[in-house]
């Protein structure tokens, strides 16, 4: 029996490539894609994709431009969150969450994130540690699998979480990755909190 291919949402690639093109031009973006073995964009309507090319693209970006990669990954994550808001969360549910105080809406959204975690963590193992304050973990995160770093690397994931919570549970949410698989930890851990006014 052939092994099952781990899948991840296509936005792991689709939202990153335009950011790469805007940052360095189409030729440079194509160079990074070639480094990753990604030779065409996935079909947005085609459903989940093989996680390996998506992970390689993020890793190639970090290898090619380590100083700028966090900013680009955050922008791609922010756009991914925007896509989810526009296409994946019913407008009625969004309106209801926005009417609720954050103390109630954040746990509800946290549970929804957990139910759909397979779309952004692939073969990694997602765990909802806490609904209030929201804390998530992704064990064996494929997007950083095999990498080693002194600092956390999962800016894409953090930005996705920030966008969703800032839009649906009140403004100024921050997602801080307090530990990362690339640092040698078993799981990437994301702790969310609301920043004070003026932050």
Protein backbone atom coordinates (compact mmCIF):
# COMPACT_ATOMS: atom_id res chain seq x y z
CA UNK A 1 0.00 0.00 0.00
CA UNK A 2 1.38 3.43 -0.97
CA UNK A 3 2.02 5.82 1.91
CA UNK A 4 -0.59 8.52 2.51
CA UNK A 5 0.64 11.96 1.42
CA UNK A 6 0.20 14.61 4.10
CA UNK A 7 -1.87 17.56 2.94
CA UNK A 8 -2.05 21.26 3.73
CA UNK A 9 -4.13 24.17 2.46
CA UNK A 10 -3.00 25.70 -0.87
CA UNK A 11 -2.77 29.16 0.67
CA UNK A 12 0.53 28.13 2.23
CA UNK A 13 1.83 28.66 -1.32
CA UNK A 14 -0.79 30.87 -2.98
CA UNK A 15 -0.47 33.73 -0.49
CA UNK A 16 3.31 33.56 -0.24
CA UNK A 17 4.24 33.70 -3.93
CA UNK A 18 2.69 37.15 -4.57
CA UNK A 19 4.51 38.47 -1.50
CA UNK A 20 7.78 37.13 -2.90
CA UNK A 21 7.05 38.75 -6.27
CA UNK A 22 6.28 42.10 -4.66
CA UNK A 23 9.46 41.93 -2.58
CA UNK A 24 11.96 40.87 -5.22
CA UNK A 25 10.25 40.67 -8.59
CA UNK A 26 8.86 37.76 -10.55
CA UNK A 27 12.24 36.38 -11.57
CA UNK A 28 13.48 36.26 -8.00
CA UNK A 29 10.24 34.67 -6.81
CA UNK A 30 10.60 32.07 -9.56
CA UNK A 31 14.15 31.43 -8.36
CA UNK A 32 12.95 30.75 -4.81
CA UNK A 33 10.18 28.51 -6.14
CA UNK A 34 12.72 26.57 -8.19
CA UNK A 35 14.89 26.15 -5.10
CA UNK A 36 11.84 24.60 -3.43
CA UNK A 37 10.92 22.42 -6.40
CA UNK A 38 7.67 24.32 -6.90
CA UNK A 39 7.16 24.83 -10.63
CA UNK A 40 3.50 25.85 -10.77
CA UNK A 41 0.90 27.32 -8.46
CA UNK A 42 -1.76 25.02 -7.04
CA UNK A 43 -5.35 25.39 -8.19
CA UNK A 44 -7.19 27.47 -5.56
CA UNK A 45 -10.29 25.36 -6.17
CA UNK A 46 -8.39 22.08 -6.11
CA UNK A 47 -8.54 21.50 -2.38
CA UNK A 48 -5.67 20.48 -0.15
CA UNK A 49 -2.19 19.99 -1.60
CA UNK A 50 0.89 17.95 -0.73
CA UNK A 51 2.45 19.63 2.30
CA UNK A 52 6.05 18.98 1.19
CA UNK A 53 6.30 21.62 -1.59
CA UNK A 54 4.62 24.21 0.64
CA UNK A 55 7.06 23.52 3.46
CA UNK A 56 10.01 23.62 1.07
CA UNK A 57 8.93 27.01 -0.28
CA UNK A 58 8.80 28.56 3.19
CA UNK A 59 12.15 26.99 4.04
CA UNK A 60 13.74 28.16 0.77
CA UNK A 61 12.60 31.72 1.51
CA UNK A 62 14.18 31.58 4.97
CA UNK A 63 17.39 30.18 3.50
CA UNK A 64 17.59 32.76 0.72
CA UNK A 65 16.74 35.89 2.73
CA UNK A 66 16.82 35.09 6.46
CA UNK A 67 16.74 38.74 7.54
CA UNK A 68 13.60 39.62 5.59
CA UNK A 69 11.83 36.25 5.68
CA UNK A 70 9.93 36.93 8.94
CA UNK A 71 8.33 40.06 7.48
CA UNK A 72 7.38 38.30 4.24
CA UNK A 73 6.01 35.27 6.07
CA UNK A 74 3.91 37.54 8.29
CA UNK A 75 2.47 39.33 5.27
CA UNK A 76 1.60 36.00 3.63
CA UNK A 77 0.02 34.81 6.87
CA UNK A 78 -2.00 38.01 7.19
CA UNK A 79 -3.31 37.52 3.65
CA UNK A 80 -4.08 33.87 4.38
CA UNK A 81 -6.17 34.99 7.33
CA UNK A 82 -7.96 37.43 5.05
CA UNK A 83 -8.74 34.66 2.58
CA UNK A 84 -10.18 32.54 5.38
CA UNK A 85 -12.39 35.42 6.50
CA UNK A 86 -13.64 36.04 2.97
CA UNK A 87 -14.18 32.44 1.92
CA UNK A 88 -14.27 30.00 4.82
CA UNK A 89 -16.08 31.53 7.80
CA UNK A 90 -19.80 32.25 7.21
CA UNK A 91 -20.68 35.92 7.50
CA UNK A 92 -23.39 35.16 10.04
CA UNK A 93 -20.90 33.47 12.31
CA UNK A 94 -18.51 36.40 11.90
CA UNK A 95 -21.20 38.91 12.88
CA UNK A 96 -22.10 36.87 15.94
CA UNK A 97 -18.49 36.61 17.09
CA UNK A 98 -18.00 40.36 16.66
CA UNK A 99 -21.01 41.04 18.90
CA UNK A 100 -19.65 38.89 21.72
CA UNK A 101 -17.13 40.08 24.31
CA UNK A 102 -13.64 38.74 23.63
CA UNK A 103 -13.80 36.62 26.78
CA UNK A 104 -16.56 34.60 25.08
CA UNK A 105 -15.70 34.90 21.38
CA UNK A 106 -12.03 33.93 21.69
CA UNK A 107 -12.72 30.45 23.12
CA UNK A 108 -15.35 29.85 20.42
CA UNK A 109 -12.92 30.87 17.68
CA UNK A 110 -10.16 28.81 19.29
CA UNK A 111 -12.31 25.69 19.06
CA UNK A 112 -13.10 26.46 15.41
CA UNK A 113 -9.37 26.83 14.69
CA UNK A 114 -8.76 23.46 16.34
CA UNK A 115 -11.48 21.78 14.25
CA UNK A 116 -9.89 23.00 11.02
CA UNK A 117 -6.25 22.75 12.06
CA UNK A 118 -5.48 20.14 9.39
CA UNK A 119 -5.69 22.91 6.77
CA UNK A 120 -2.63 24.72 8.12
CA UNK A 121 -0.63 22.19 10.12
CA UNK A 122 -0.56 19.27 7.66
CA UNK A 123 1.00 16.23 9.26
CA UNK A 124 1.77 18.23 12.40
CA UNK A 125 -0.34 17.58 15.47
CA UNK A 126 -2.43 20.50 16.67
CA UNK A 127 -3.42 20.92 20.31
CA UNK A 128 -5.71 23.53 21.80
CA UNK A 129 -3.95 24.17 25.09
CA UNK A 130 -6.27 26.94 26.26
CA UNK A 131 -9.27 28.81 24.90
CA UNK A 132 -8.76 31.76 27.24
CA UNK A 133 -6.26 33.10 26.87
CA UNK A 134 -5.87 31.31 23.53
CA UNK A 135 -2.83 29.04 23.39
CA UNK A 136 -2.14 26.64 20.50
CA UNK A 137 0.57 24.07 19.86
CA UNK A 138 1.65 22.34 16.64
CA UNK A 139 3.84 19.33 17.33
CA UNK A 140 6.24 18.20 14.59
CA UNK A 141 5.34 21.26 12.52
CA UNK A 142 6.11 20.37 8.87
CA UNK A 143 6.69 23.99 7.84
CA UNK A 144 9.90 24.05 9.92
CA UNK A 145 10.65 20.33 9.99
CA UNK A 146 14.39 19.71 9.76
CA UNK A 147 15.33 23.35 10.36
CA UNK A 148 17.41 24.58 13.28
CA UNK A 149 17.22 28.08 14.67
CA UNK A 150 17.93 30.00 17.85
CA UNK A 151 14.67 31.92 17.44
CA UNK A 152 11.10 30.88 16.51
CA UNK A 153 10.41 30.73 12.77
CA UNK A 154 6.64 30.32 12.40
CA UNK A 155 5.70 33.89 11.51
CA UNK A 156 3.20 32.69 8.90
CA UNK A 157 1.15 30.74 11.42
CA UNK A 158 1.32 33.54 13.98
CA UNK A 159 0.03 36.09 11.46
CA UNK A 160 -2.87 33.85 10.43
CA UNK A 161 -3.96 33.63 14.07
CA UNK A 162 -3.51 37.38 14.61
CA UNK A 163 -5.65 38.26 11.59
CA UNK A 164 -8.50 35.96 12.57
CA UNK A 165 -8.63 37.04 16.20
CA UNK A 166 -8.15 40.76 15.45
CA UNK A 167 -11.04 40.70 12.99
CA UNK A 168 -13.45 38.55 14.99
CA UNK A 169 -12.59 39.02 18.68
CA UNK A 170 -11.72 42.70 18.90
CA UNK A 171 -8.66 44.64 17.69
CA UNK A 172 -4.97 44.44 18.56
CA UNK A 173 -4.50 40.71 19.07
CA UNK A 174 -0.91 39.49 19.04
CA UNK A 175 0.22 35.89 18.54
CA UNK A 176 3.63 35.24 20.04
CA UNK A 177 5.45 32.02 19.23
CA UNK A 178 7.11 31.28 22.56
CA UNK A 179 8.81 28.08 21.43
CA UNK A 180 9.44 26.44 18.05
CA UNK A 181 10.23 22.98 16.76
CA UNK A 182 13.20 24.57 14.97
CA UNK A 183 14.62 25.41 18.40
CA UNK A 184 14.50 21.76 19.37
CA UNK A 185 11.12 21.81 21.12
CA UNK A 186 8.53 19.11 20.53
CA UNK A 187 5.93 21.67 19.48
CA UNK A 188 5.58 25.20 18.21
CA UNK A 189 3.60 27.12 20.85
CA UNK A 190 1.54 30.22 20.08
CA UNK A 191 0.22 32.40 22.90
CA UNK A 192 -2.35 35.04 21.98
CA UNK A 193 -3.12 38.22 23.89
CA UNK A 194 -4.59 41.63 23.22
CA UNK A 195 -2.08 44.43 23.05
CA UNK A 196 -2.81 47.61 25.00
CA UNK A 197 -3.91 50.74 23.15
CA UNK A 198 -1.04 52.39 21.35
CA UNK A 199 0.98 49.19 20.85
